[in-house]
Amino acid sequence: MHELAVAQALVEQVDAVIRQHGATQASLIRVRIGPLAGVVPELLASAFPLAAAGSRMEHAALEFTHAPIQVRCQTCGAETEAAMNRLICGACGDWHTQIISGDELMLESVELETASSLTPES
């Protein structure tokens, strides 16, 4: 399952964000996935705890936002939504289109905790 490799890469990327901001851990990780990305969100969600075990994000919640498939028509220039396996222009019906959204897999945001946010106030 290649989702485990994706989860491991995600852990590395989030760990770099944690270090960059001087945080202690991540509490929420949001990933944007398009239907054409080749990653099954449910499988990534089940692989993530394995990849994150023992890391500074092992207790973080993993959330997904879904990117719609959008295409730009090379004939009429319109940008419209399209369906999987039907990447045609929604305006003129032409099949000469370019994917502009829906194939992404990206780290959208990370909520971090610092040492001061973990310390109870007196």
N, C-alpha and C. Protein backbone atom coordinates (compact mmCIF):
# COMPACT_ATOMS: atom_id res chain seq x y z
N MET A 1 0.86 -1.17 0.00
CA MET A 1 0.00 0.00 0.00
C MET A 1 0.90 1.23 0.00
N HIS A 2 0.81 2.03 -1.06
CA HIS A 2 1.69 3.19 -1.15
C HIS A 2 1.25 4.32 -0.23
N GLU A 3 0.07 4.23 0.35
CA GLU A 3 -0.38 5.25 1.30
C GLU A 3 0.53 5.31 2.52
N LEU A 4 1.17 4.19 2.89
CA LEU A 4 2.11 4.21 4.01
C LEU A 4 3.31 5.08 3.66
N ALA A 5 3.81 4.99 2.45
CA ALA A 5 4.92 5.84 2.02
C ALA A 5 4.50 7.31 1.99
N VAL A 6 3.27 7.57 1.58
CA VAL A 6 2.74 8.94 1.59
C VAL A 6 2.63 9.43 3.03
N ALA A 7 2.16 8.58 3.93
CA ALA A 7 2.04 8.96 5.35
C ALA A 7 3.42 9.24 5.95
N GLN A 8 4.41 8.45 5.59
CA GLN A 8 5.76 8.69 6.10
C GLN A 8 6.31 10.02 5.59
N ALA A 9 6.06 10.33 4.32
CA ALA A 9 6.49 11.62 3.77
C ALA A 9 5.76 12.77 4.46
N LEU A 10 4.48 12.57 4.78
CA LEU A 10 3.70 13.59 5.48
C LEU A 10 4.29 13.83 6.87
N VAL A 11 4.66 12.77 7.58
CA VAL A 11 5.26 12.90 8.91
C VAL A 11 6.56 13.70 8.81
N GLU A 12 7.37 13.42 7.82
CA GLU A 12 8.62 14.17 7.64
C GLU A 12 8.35 15.65 7.38
N GLN A 13 7.36 15.93 6.53
CA GLN A 13 7.03 17.31 6.20
C GLN A 13 6.49 18.05 7.43
N VAL A 14 5.61 17.43 8.19
CA VAL A 14 5.05 18.07 9.38
C VAL A 14 6.14 18.25 10.44
N ASP A 15 7.04 17.29 10.57
CA ASP A 15 8.13 17.43 11.52
C ASP A 15 9.00 18.64 11.17
N ALA A 16 9.21 18.87 9.89
CA ALA A 16 9.98 20.05 9.47
C ALA A 16 9.25 21.34 9.84
N VAL A 17 7.93 21.35 9.73
CA VAL A 17 7.13 22.52 10.11
C VAL A 17 7.23 22.74 11.62
N ILE A 18 7.16 21.67 12.39
CA ILE A 18 7.27 21.77 13.85
C ILE A 18 8.62 22.38 14.23
N ARG A 19 9.69 21.87 13.63
CA ARG A 19 11.04 22.40 13.91
C ARG A 19 11.16 23.86 13.49
N GLN A 20 10.66 24.18 12.32
CA GLN A 20 10.77 25.54 11.78
C GLN A 20 10.11 26.57 12.69
N HIS A 21 9.02 26.19 13.33
CA HIS A 21 8.28 27.13 14.18
C HIS A 21 8.60 26.97 15.67
N GLY A 22 9.52 26.09 16.01
CA GLY A 22 9.91 25.91 17.40
C GLY A 22 8.79 25.37 18.28
N ALA A 23 7.91 24.59 17.69
CA ALA A 23 6.78 24.03 18.44
C ALA A 23 7.18 22.71 19.09
N THR A 24 6.32 22.23 19.97
CA THR A 24 6.60 20.96 20.63
C THR A 24 5.92 19.79 19.92
N GLN A 25 4.74 20.04 19.35
CA GLN A 25 4.02 18.99 18.66
C GLN A 25 2.94 19.57 17.76
N ALA A 26 2.38 18.73 16.91
CA ALA A 26 1.26 19.12 16.06
C ALA A 26 -0.01 18.52 16.65
N SER A 27 -1.09 19.29 16.63
CA SER A 27 -2.35 18.79 17.16
C SER A 27 -3.38 18.50 16.07
N LEU A 28 -3.23 19.17 14.92
CA LEU A 28 -4.15 18.97 13.80
C LEU A 28 -3.38 19.11 12.50
N ILE A 29 -3.57 18.16 11.61
CA ILE A 29 -2.92 18.18 10.30
C ILE A 29 -4.02 18.10 9.27
N ARG A 30 -4.05 19.07 8.36
CA ARG A 30 -5.07 19.10 7.32
C ARG A 30 -4.40 18.89 5.96
N VAL A 31 -4.90 17.91 5.22
CA VAL A 31 -4.34 17.55 3.92
C VAL A 31 -5.42 17.71 2.86
N ARG A 32 -5.04 18.35 1.76
CA ARG A 32 -5.97 18.54 0.62
C ARG A 32 -5.70 17.44 -0.40
N ILE A 33 -6.74 16.68 -0.74
CA ILE A 33 -6.61 15.57 -1.68
C ILE A 33 -7.66 15.69 -2.77
N GLY A 34 -7.19 15.61 -4.00
CA GLY A 34 -8.09 15.59 -5.14
C GLY A 34 -8.37 14.16 -5.56
N PRO A 35 -9.49 13.93 -6.22
CA PRO A 35 -9.85 12.57 -6.62
C PRO A 35 -8.88 11.95 -7.64
N LEU A 36 -8.09 12.78 -8.31
CA LEU A 36 -7.14 12.28 -9.29
C LEU A 36 -5.73 12.12 -8.72
N ALA A 37 -5.56 12.28 -7.41
CA ALA A 37 -4.24 12.24 -6.78
C ALA A 37 -3.69 10.82 -6.68
N GLY A 38 -4.53 9.83 -6.77
CA GLY A 38 -4.06 8.45 -6.67
C GLY A 38 -3.87 7.99 -5.24
N VAL A 39 -4.47 8.71 -4.29
CA VAL A 39 -4.37 8.35 -2.88
C VAL A 39 -5.79 8.20 -2.33
N VAL A 40 -6.02 7.10 -1.64
CA VAL A 40 -7.33 6.86 -1.03
C VAL A 40 -7.29 7.44 0.38
N PRO A 41 -8.10 8.47 0.66
CA PRO A 41 -8.05 9.12 1.98
C PRO A 41 -8.22 8.14 3.15
N GLU A 42 -9.10 7.17 3.02
CA GLU A 42 -9.33 6.21 4.10
C GLU A 42 -8.08 5.38 4.39
N LEU A 43 -7.36 5.00 3.34
CA LEU A 43 -6.14 4.22 3.52
C LEU A 43 -5.03 5.08 4.11
N LEU A 44 -4.97 6.35 3.68
CA LEU A 44 -3.98 7.26 4.26
C LEU A 44 -4.27 7.49 5.74
N ALA A 45 -5.55 7.62 6.08
CA ALA A 45 -5.94 7.80 7.48
C ALA A 45 -5.56 6.59 8.33
N SER A 46 -5.64 5.40 7.77
CA SER A 46 -5.27 4.21 8.56
C SER A 46 -3.75 4.02 8.59
N ALA A 47 -3.03 4.50 7.59
CA ALA A 47 -1.57 4.37 7.57
C ALA A 47 -0.89 5.44 8.42
N PHE A 48 -1.54 6.59 8.59
CA PHE A 48 -0.91 7.70 9.31
C PHE A 48 -0.50 7.34 10.74
N PRO A 49 -1.33 6.70 11.55
CA PRO A 49 -0.90 6.37 12.92
C PRO A 49 0.35 5.49 12.95
N LEU A 50 0.51 4.61 11.98
CA LEU A 50 1.71 3.77 11.92
C LEU A 50 2.94 4.62 11.64
N ALA A 51 2.81 5.54 10.69
CA ALA A 51 3.93 6.40 10.33
C ALA A 51 4.26 7.41 11.42
N ALA A 52 3.24 7.86 12.15
CA ALA A 52 3.43 8.91 13.16
C ALA A 52 3.78 8.36 14.55
N ALA A 53 3.75 7.06 14.73
CA ALA A 53 4.02 6.47 16.05
C ALA A 53 5.39 6.92 16.56
N GLY A 54 5.39 7.43 17.80
CA GLY A 54 6.62 7.88 18.42
C GLY A 54 7.11 9.24 17.98
N SER A 55 6.35 9.90 17.12
CA SER A 55 6.76 11.22 16.64
C SER A 55 6.02 12.32 17.40
N ARG A 56 6.34 13.56 17.05
CA ARG A 56 5.70 14.70 17.71
C ARG A 56 4.31 14.99 17.14
N MET A 57 3.80 14.08 16.34
CA MET A 57 2.43 14.24 15.83
C MET A 57 1.62 12.96 16.00
N GLU A 58 2.08 12.06 16.88
CA GLU A 58 1.38 10.79 17.03
C GLU A 58 -0.03 10.96 17.58
N HIS A 59 -0.32 12.06 18.28
CA HIS A 59 -1.67 12.28 18.81
C HIS A 59 -2.45 13.31 18.00
N ALA A 60 -1.90 13.73 16.88
CA ALA A 60 -2.56 14.75 16.06
C ALA A 60 -3.74 14.16 15.31
N ALA A 61 -4.76 14.98 15.14
CA ALA A 61 -5.90 14.60 14.32
C ALA A 61 -5.53 14.86 12.86
N LEU A 62 -5.95 13.97 11.99
CA LEU A 62 -5.69 14.12 10.56
C LEU A 62 -7.02 14.38 9.87
N GLU A 63 -7.11 15.51 9.19
CA GLU A 63 -8.34 15.88 8.48
C GLU A 63 -8.04 16.03 7.00
N PHE A 64 -9.05 15.77 6.19
CA PHE A 64 -8.90 15.90 4.75
C PHE A 64 -9.88 16.93 4.22
N THR A 65 -9.41 17.74 3.29
CA THR A 65 -10.30 18.58 2.49
C THR A 65 -10.21 18.05 1.08
N HIS A 66 -11.32 18.05 0.42
CA HIS A 66 -11.38 17.46 -0.91
C HIS A 66 -11.37 18.55 -1.98
N ALA A 67 -10.52 18.39 -2.96
CA ALA A 67 -10.39 19.34 -4.05
C ALA A 67 -11.25 18.85 -5.22
N PRO A 68 -12.09 19.71 -5.75
CA PRO A 68 -12.90 19.29 -6.91
C PRO A 68 -12.03 19.22 -8.17
N ILE A 69 -12.48 18.44 -9.12
CA ILE A 69 -11.79 18.38 -10.40
C ILE A 69 -12.22 19.59 -11.22
N GLN A 70 -11.26 20.40 -11.62
CA GLN A 70 -11.54 21.55 -12.47
C GLN A 70 -10.61 21.50 -13.68
N VAL A 71 -11.15 21.89 -14.81
CA VAL A 71 -10.38 21.90 -16.05
C VAL A 71 -10.47 23.26 -16.72
N ARG A 72 -9.44 23.57 -17.50
CA ARG A 72 -9.44 24.78 -18.33
C ARG A 72 -9.52 24.30 -19.78
N CYS A 73 -10.50 24.80 -20.49
CA CYS A 73 -10.71 24.42 -21.88
C CYS A 73 -9.69 25.14 -22.77
N GLN A 74 -9.00 24.38 -23.59
CA GLN A 74 -8.03 24.96 -24.50
C GLN A 74 -8.69 25.53 -25.75
N THR A 75 -9.98 25.27 -25.91
CA THR A 75 -10.71 25.79 -27.06
C THR A 75 -11.40 27.11 -26.73
N CYS A 76 -12.21 27.12 -25.65
CA CYS A 76 -12.97 28.33 -25.33
C CYS A 76 -12.40 29.10 -24.13
N GLY A 77 -11.46 28.50 -23.38
CA GLY A 77 -10.83 29.18 -22.26
C GLY A 77 -11.59 29.12 -20.95
N ALA A 78 -12.75 28.48 -20.94
CA ALA A 78 -13.55 28.41 -19.71
C ALA A 78 -12.90 27.49 -18.69
N GLU A 79 -13.08 27.82 -17.41
CA GLU A 79 -12.66 26.97 -16.32
C GLU A 79 -13.92 26.42 -15.66
N THR A 80 -14.08 25.10 -15.73
CA THR A 80 -15.30 24.48 -15.21
C THR A 80 -14.95 23.22 -14.43
N GLU A 81 -15.93 22.77 -13.61
CA GLU A 81 -15.75 21.50 -12.92
C GLU A 81 -15.98 20.36 -13.90
N ALA A 82 -15.30 19.27 -13.63
CA ALA A 82 -15.43 18.09 -14.48
C ALA A 82 -15.61 16.87 -13.59
N ALA A 83 -15.96 15.77 -14.19
CA ALA A 83 -16.14 14.52 -13.45
C ALA A 83 -14.97 13.59 -13.75
N MET A 84 -14.73 12.68 -12.82
CA MET A 84 -13.70 11.69 -13.02
C MET A 84 -13.99 10.91 -14.30
N ASN A 85 -12.99 10.65 -15.10
CA ASN A 85 -13.12 9.94 -16.38
C ASN A 85 -14.00 10.67 -17.39
N ARG A 86 -14.24 11.94 -17.16
CA ARG A 86 -15.01 12.75 -18.10
C ARG A 86 -14.50 14.19 -17.98
N LEU A 87 -13.28 14.40 -18.41
CA LEU A 87 -12.61 15.68 -18.24
C LEU A 87 -12.88 16.61 -19.42
N ILE A 88 -14.16 16.86 -19.66
CA ILE A 88 -14.55 17.73 -20.76
C ILE A 88 -14.97 19.10 -20.25
N CYS A 89 -14.95 20.07 -21.14
CA CYS A 89 -15.35 21.44 -20.80
C CYS A 89 -16.84 21.48 -20.50
N GLY A 90 -17.17 22.07 -19.35
CA GLY A 90 -18.58 22.21 -18.98
C GLY A 90 -19.29 23.30 -19.75
N ALA A 91 -18.52 24.17 -20.43
CA ALA A 91 -19.13 25.27 -21.19
C ALA A 91 -19.41 24.87 -22.64
N CYS A 92 -18.41 24.31 -23.32
CA CYS A 92 -18.60 24.02 -24.75
C CYS A 92 -18.58 22.53 -25.07
N GLY A 93 -18.23 21.69 -24.09
CA GLY A 93 -18.24 20.24 -24.31
C GLY A 93 -16.99 19.68 -24.99
N ASP A 94 -16.01 20.52 -25.26
CA ASP A 94 -14.79 20.05 -25.92
C ASP A 94 -13.95 19.20 -24.97
N TRP A 95 -13.20 18.29 -25.52
CA TRP A 95 -12.36 17.41 -24.70
C TRP A 95 -10.92 17.91 -24.60
N HIS A 96 -10.58 18.99 -25.27
CA HIS A 96 -9.23 19.57 -25.18
C HIS A 96 -9.14 20.42 -23.92
N THR A 97 -8.88 19.77 -22.81
CA THR A 97 -8.85 20.46 -21.53
C THR A 97 -7.53 20.17 -20.81
N GLN A 98 -7.25 21.03 -19.85
CA GLN A 98 -6.08 20.88 -18.99
C GLN A 98 -6.58 20.86 -17.55
N ILE A 99 -6.11 19.91 -16.77
CA ILE A 99 -6.51 19.81 -15.36
C ILE A 99 -5.86 20.95 -14.59
N ILE A 100 -6.67 21.72 -13.87
CA ILE A 100 -6.12 22.80 -13.03
C ILE A 100 -6.34 22.53 -11.54
N SER A 101 -7.17 21.56 -11.21
CA SER A 101 -7.41 21.19 -9.82
C SER A 101 -7.99 19.79 -9.79
N GLY A 102 -7.69 19.07 -8.71
CA GLY A 102 -8.26 17.74 -8.54
C GLY A 102 -7.22 16.65 -8.52
N ASP A 103 -5.97 17.00 -8.88
CA ASP A 103 -4.92 15.99 -8.85
C ASP A 103 -3.91 16.26 -7.74
N GLU A 104 -4.23 17.20 -6.86
CA GLU A 104 -3.27 17.59 -5.83
C GLU A 104 -3.35 16.71 -4.58
N LEU A 105 -2.21 16.62 -3.94
CA LEU A 105 -2.06 16.00 -2.63
C LEU A 105 -1.10 16.91 -1.90
N MET A 106 -1.62 17.74 -0.99
CA MET A 106 -0.74 18.71 -0.35
C MET A 106 -1.12 18.95 1.11
N LEU A 107 -0.08 19.28 1.86
CA LEU A 107 -0.26 19.66 3.25
C LEU A 107 -0.87 21.06 3.24
N GLU A 108 -2.11 21.17 3.72
CA GLU A 108 -2.82 22.44 3.67
C GLU A 108 -2.54 23.30 4.89
N SER A 109 -2.57 22.68 6.09
CA SER A 109 -2.29 23.44 7.30
C SER A 109 -1.93 22.49 8.44
N VAL A 110 -1.23 23.07 9.43
CA VAL A 110 -0.84 22.32 10.63
C VAL A 110 -1.09 23.21 11.83
N GLU A 111 -1.81 22.71 12.81
CA GLU A 111 -1.97 23.43 14.07
C GLU A 111 -0.91 22.91 15.02
N LEU A 112 -0.15 23.85 15.58
CA LEU A 112 0.99 23.50 16.42
C LEU A 112 0.74 23.85 17.87
N GLU A 113 1.42 23.14 18.75
CA GLU A 113 1.40 23.47 20.17
C GLU A 113 2.81 23.82 20.59
N THR A 114 2.90 24.79 21.46
CA THR A 114 4.20 25.20 22.00
C THR A 114 4.27 24.80 23.47
N ALA A 115 5.44 24.92 24.05
CA ALA A 115 5.61 24.56 25.46
C ALA A 115 4.68 25.38 26.34
N SER A 116 4.48 26.66 26.01
CA SER A 116 3.62 27.53 26.83
C SER A 116 2.15 27.14 26.70
N SER A 117 1.74 26.60 25.55
CA SER A 117 0.33 26.21 25.40
C SER A 117 0.03 24.91 26.13
N LEU A 118 1.06 24.14 26.49
CA LEU A 118 0.86 22.89 27.20
C LEU A 118 0.93 23.04 28.71
N THR A 119 1.45 24.20 29.18
CA THR A 119 1.62 24.43 30.60
C THR A 119 0.31 24.95 31.19
N PRO A 120 -0.20 24.31 32.26
CA PRO A 120 -1.43 24.82 32.88
C PRO A 120 -1.17 26.18 33.53
N GLU A 121 -2.17 27.05 33.39
CA GLU A 121 -2.03 28.39 33.97
C GLU A 121 -2.30 28.34 35.47
N SER A 122 -1.57 29.19 36.21
CA SER A 122 -1.77 29.20 37.65
C SER A 122 -2.79 30.22 38.06
